[in-house]
Amino acid sequence: NMFGDIISDEASVISGSLGLLPSASVGNSSALFEPIHGSYPQAAGKDIANPLGSILSAAMMLDHFQLHEEADLIRKAVDWTLTHGFVSKDIDPVNSYSTSTIGDLVRDFIENRIPSSINKNNMNLSKSTII
């Protein structure tokens, strides 16, 4: 596992954050999907962790279950949040959003409820319904 960890840490440079990277450990009879960064107990209860590695790990799990359309929709939702600058503190310490806000945006994208014009100033005023 040491060399896999080295490679995954190096890959985080490309994405800009360990918080963005999903991972999978696939065996003959079982599979485990999780973000490469592991747990982040320092962030417990603070609403500051980057949820995208976990969300992308769920997309990998759906691919593993041959649910490719569902996995693609999750990846498109994550791409939408990143493209529109809805990122956590590990990516942009100045213009960042909470874990719950980013999770809600992914959910809203999947449910096709993203409005064409979003008022970013009000995004951190709401509470999460999924995270």
C-alpha atoms as a PDB file:
ATOM      1  CA  ASN A   1       0.000   0.000   0.000  1.00  0.00           C
ATOM      2  CA  MET A   2       2.960   2.323   0.502  1.00  0.00           C
ATOM      3  CA  PHE A   3       3.546   2.830  -3.221  1.00  0.00           C
ATOM      4  CA  GLY A   4      -0.155   3.308  -3.921  1.00  0.00           C
ATOM      5  CA  ASP A   5      -0.209   6.030  -1.269  1.00  0.00           C
ATOM      6  CA  ILE A   6       2.786   7.746  -2.826  1.00  0.00           C
ATOM      7  CA  ILE A   7       1.149   7.719  -6.255  1.00  0.00           C
ATOM      8  CA  SER A   8      -2.174   8.985  -4.913  1.00  0.00           C
ATOM      9  CA  ASP A   9      -0.463  11.789  -2.977  1.00  0.00           C
ATOM     10  CA  GLU A  10       1.352  12.835  -6.144  1.00  0.00           C
ATOM     11  CA  ALA A  11      -1.929  12.736  -8.081  1.00  0.00           C
ATOM     12  CA  SER A  12      -3.415  15.227  -5.633  1.00  0.00           C
ATOM     13  CA  VAL A  13      -1.066  17.851  -7.062  1.00  0.00           C
ATOM     14  CA  ILE A  14      -2.848  17.548 -10.407  1.00  0.00           C
ATOM     15  CA  SER A  15      -6.315  18.011  -8.912  1.00  0.00           C
ATOM     16  CA  GLY A  16      -5.238  20.612  -6.380  1.00  0.00           C
ATOM     17  CA  SER A  17      -6.446  18.768  -3.299  1.00  0.00           C
ATOM     18  CA  LEU A  18      -6.522  15.325  -1.707  1.00  0.00           C
ATOM     19  CA  GLY A  19     -10.163  16.119  -0.917  1.00  0.00           C
ATOM     20  CA  LEU A  20     -11.121  15.669  -4.566  1.00  0.00           C
ATOM     21  CA  LEU A  21      -9.787  12.184  -5.147  1.00  0.00           C
ATOM     22  CA  PRO A  22     -11.849   9.003  -4.879  1.00  0.00           C
ATOM     23  CA  SER A  23     -10.378   5.544  -4.474  1.00  0.00           C
ATOM     24  CA  ALA A  24     -11.396   1.917  -4.699  1.00  0.00           C
ATOM     25  CA  SER A  25     -10.008  -1.298  -3.284  1.00  0.00           C
ATOM     26  CA  VAL A  26     -11.581  -4.059  -5.351  1.00  0.00           C
ATOM     27  CA  GLY A  27     -11.201  -7.718  -4.464  1.00  0.00           C
ATOM     28  CA  ASN A  28     -12.696 -10.917  -5.848  1.00  0.00           C
ATOM     29  CA  SER A  29     -15.802 -10.829  -3.666  1.00  0.00           C
ATOM     30  CA  SER A  30     -15.958  -7.326  -2.208  1.00  0.00           C
ATOM     31  CA  ALA A  31     -15.030  -3.734  -2.871  1.00  0.00           C
ATOM     32  CA  LEU A  32     -14.425  -0.653  -0.744  1.00  0.00           C
ATOM     33  CA  PHE A  33     -14.893   2.889  -2.062  1.00  0.00           C
ATOM     34  CA  GLU A  34     -13.619   5.902  -0.123  1.00  0.00           C
ATOM     35  CA  PRO A  35     -11.790   9.190  -0.635  1.00  0.00           C
ATOM     36  CA  ILE A  36      -8.023   8.743  -0.662  1.00  0.00           C
ATOM     37  CA  HIS A  37      -7.539  11.136   2.219  1.00  0.00           C
ATOM     38  CA  GLY A  38      -9.252   8.849   4.727  1.00  0.00           C
ATOM     39  CA  SER A  39     -11.031  10.296   7.730  1.00  0.00           C
ATOM     40  CA  TYR A  40     -10.693  13.924   8.786  1.00  0.00           C
ATOM     41  CA  PRO A  41     -11.622  13.968  12.493  1.00  0.00           C
ATOM     42  CA  GLN A  42     -10.321  17.521  12.940  1.00  0.00           C
ATOM     43  CA  ALA A  43     -13.222  18.751  10.805  1.00  0.00           C
ATOM     44  CA  ALA A  44     -15.945  16.952  12.763  1.00  0.00           C
ATOM     45  CA  GLY A  45     -18.900  19.256  13.332  1.00  0.00           C
ATOM     46  CA  LYS A  46     -17.258  22.224  11.589  1.00  0.00           C
ATOM     47  CA  ASP A  47     -18.842  21.873   8.105  1.00  0.00           C
ATOM     48  CA  ILE A  48     -15.440  22.465   6.449  1.00  0.00           C
ATOM     49  CA  ALA A  49     -14.434  19.123   4.911  1.00  0.00           C
ATOM     50  CA  ASN A  50     -14.339  18.759   1.149  1.00  0.00           C
ATOM     51  CA  PRO A  51     -17.164  16.293   0.336  1.00  0.00           C
ATOM     52  CA  LEU A  52     -16.227  15.753  -3.306  1.00  0.00           C
ATOM     53  CA  GLY A  53     -13.809  12.850  -2.751  1.00  0.00           C
ATOM     54  CA  SER A  54     -16.567  10.958  -0.942  1.00  0.00           C
ATOM     55  CA  ILE A  55     -19.139  11.881  -3.574  1.00  0.00           C
ATOM     56  CA  LEU A  56     -16.826  10.780  -6.393  1.00  0.00           C
ATOM     57  CA  SER A  57     -16.150   7.543  -4.499  1.00  0.00           C
ATOM     58  CA  ALA A  58     -19.898   6.919  -4.587  1.00  0.00           C
ATOM     59  CA  ALA A  59     -19.781   7.448  -8.369  1.00  0.00           C
ATOM     60  CA  MET A  60     -17.008   4.836  -8.605  1.00  0.00           C
ATOM     61  CA  MET A  61     -19.168   2.441  -6.595  1.00  0.00           C
ATOM     62  CA  LEU A  62     -22.081   2.983  -8.985  1.00  0.00           C
ATOM     63  CA  ASP A  63     -19.760   2.253 -11.926  1.00  0.00           C
ATOM     64  CA  HIS A  64     -18.704  -0.943 -10.144  1.00  0.00           C
ATOM     65  CA  PHE A  65     -22.396  -1.900  -9.944  1.00  0.00           C
ATOM     66  CA  GLN A  66     -22.755  -1.190 -13.695  1.00  0.00           C
ATOM     67  CA  LEU A  67     -24.885   1.914 -12.995  1.00  0.00           C
ATOM     68  CA  HIS A  68     -22.913   4.060 -15.416  1.00  0.00           C
ATOM     69  CA  GLU A  69     -25.578   6.677 -16.163  1.00  0.00           C
ATOM     70  CA  GLU A  70     -26.045   7.362 -12.465  1.00  0.00           C
ATOM     71  CA  ALA A  71     -22.283   7.572 -11.940  1.00  0.00           C
ATOM     72  CA  ASP A  72     -21.928   9.967 -14.878  1.00  0.00           C
ATOM     73  CA  LEU A  73     -24.629  12.219 -13.443  1.00  0.00           C
ATOM     74  CA  ILE A  74     -22.755  12.439 -10.143  1.00  0.00           C
ATOM     75  CA  ARG A  75     -19.505  13.283 -11.944  1.00  0.00           C
ATOM     76  CA  LYS A  76     -21.298  15.965 -13.988  1.00  0.00           C
ATOM     77  CA  ALA A  77     -22.705  17.439 -10.771  1.00  0.00           C
ATOM     78  CA  VAL A  78     -19.232  17.565  -9.219  1.00  0.00           C
ATOM     79  CA  ASP A  79     -17.809  19.111 -12.394  1.00  0.00           C
ATOM     80  CA  TRP A  80     -20.580  21.738 -12.302  1.00  0.00           C
ATOM     81  CA  THR A  81     -19.760  22.751  -8.724  1.00  0.00           C
ATOM     82  CA  LEU A  82     -16.045  23.037  -9.501  1.00  0.00           C
ATOM     83  CA  THR A  83     -16.607  24.926 -12.763  1.00  0.00           C
ATOM     84  CA  HIS A  84     -18.843  27.447 -10.997  1.00  0.00           C
ATOM     85  CA  GLY A  85     -16.388  27.991  -8.153  1.00  0.00           C
ATOM     86  CA  PHE A  86     -18.309  26.221  -5.400  1.00  0.00           C
ATOM     87  CA  VAL A  87     -15.284  24.781  -3.650  1.00  0.00           C
ATOM     88  CA  SER A  88     -14.172  24.091  -0.107  1.00  0.00           C
ATOM     89  CA  LYS A  89     -11.446  25.813   1.891  1.00  0.00           C
ATOM     90  CA  ASP A  90      -8.739  23.329   0.861  1.00  0.00           C
ATOM     91  CA  ILE A  91      -9.093  24.502  -2.747  1.00  0.00           C
ATOM     92  CA  ASP A  92      -9.793  28.214  -2.221  1.00  0.00           C
ATOM     93  CA  PRO A  93      -9.306  29.517   1.329  1.00  0.00           C
ATOM     94  CA  VAL A  94     -10.768  32.935   0.467  1.00  0.00           C
ATOM     95  CA  ASN A  95     -13.825  32.072  -1.644  1.00  0.00           C
ATOM     96  CA  SER A  96     -14.926  28.804  -0.093  1.00  0.00           C
ATOM     97  CA  TYR A  97     -18.227  27.135   0.700  1.00  0.00           C
ATOM     98  CA  SER A  98     -19.246  24.730   3.426  1.00  0.00           C
ATOM     99  CA  THR A  99     -19.417  20.957   3.158  1.00  0.00           C
ATOM    100  CA  SER A 100     -23.197  21.080   3.344  1.00  0.00           C
ATOM    101  CA  THR A 101     -23.537  23.805   0.705  1.00  0.00           C
ATOM    102  CA  ILE A 102     -21.394  21.868  -1.770  1.00  0.00           C
ATOM    103  CA  GLY A 103     -23.299  18.655  -1.002  1.00  0.00           C
ATOM    104  CA  ASP A 104     -26.618  20.440  -1.472  1.00  0.00           C
ATOM    105  CA  LEU A 105     -25.474  21.805  -4.841  1.00  0.00           C
ATOM    106  CA  VAL A 106     -24.514  18.321  -6.022  1.00  0.00           C
ATOM    107  CA  ARG A 107     -27.913  17.051  -4.893  1.00  0.00           C
ATOM    108  CA  ASP A 108     -29.715  19.956  -6.570  1.00  0.00           C
ATOM    109  CA  PHE A 109     -27.848  19.376  -9.834  1.00  0.00           C
ATOM    110  CA  ILE A 110     -28.842  15.716  -9.778  1.00  0.00           C
ATOM    111  CA  GLU A 111     -32.464  16.667  -9.103  1.00  0.00           C
ATOM    112  CA  ASN A 112     -32.315  19.248 -11.957  1.00  0.00           C
ATOM    113  CA  ARG A 113     -33.080  22.098  -9.632  1.00  0.00           C
ATOM    114  CA  ILE A 114     -30.047  24.246 -10.353  1.00  0.00           C
ATOM    115  CA  PRO A 115     -31.295  27.650 -11.508  1.00  0.00           C
ATOM    116  CA  SER A 116     -29.561  29.256 -14.448  1.00  0.00           C
ATOM    117  CA  SER A 117     -28.534  32.205 -12.287  1.00  0.00           C
ATOM    118  CA  ILE A 118     -27.322  31.525  -8.757  1.00  0.00           C
ATOM    119  CA  ASN A 119     -26.797  34.222  -6.155  1.00  0.00           C
ATOM    120  CA  LYS A 120     -23.523  33.063  -4.598  1.00  0.00           C
ATOM    121  CA  ASN A 121     -23.861  35.583  -1.772  1.00  0.00           C
ATOM    122  CA  ASN A 122     -26.763  33.637  -0.288  1.00  0.00           C
ATOM    123  CA  MET A 123     -25.361  30.118  -0.700  1.00  0.00           C
ATOM    124  CA  ASN A 124     -23.977  29.777   2.829  1.00  0.00           C
ATOM    125  CA  LEU A 125     -27.183  30.936   4.525  1.00  0.00           C
ATOM    126  CA  SER A 126     -29.036  27.622   4.291  1.00  0.00           C
ATOM    127  CA  LYS A 127     -28.659  24.367   6.214  1.00  0.00           C
ATOM    128  CA  SER A 128     -27.868  21.075   4.539  1.00  0.00           C
ATOM    129  CA  THR A 129     -30.491  18.463   3.944  1.00  0.00           C
ATOM    130  CA  ILE A 130     -28.130  15.637   2.993  1.00  0.00           C
ATOM    131  CA  ILE A 131     -24.815  16.006   4.808  1.00  0.00           C
END
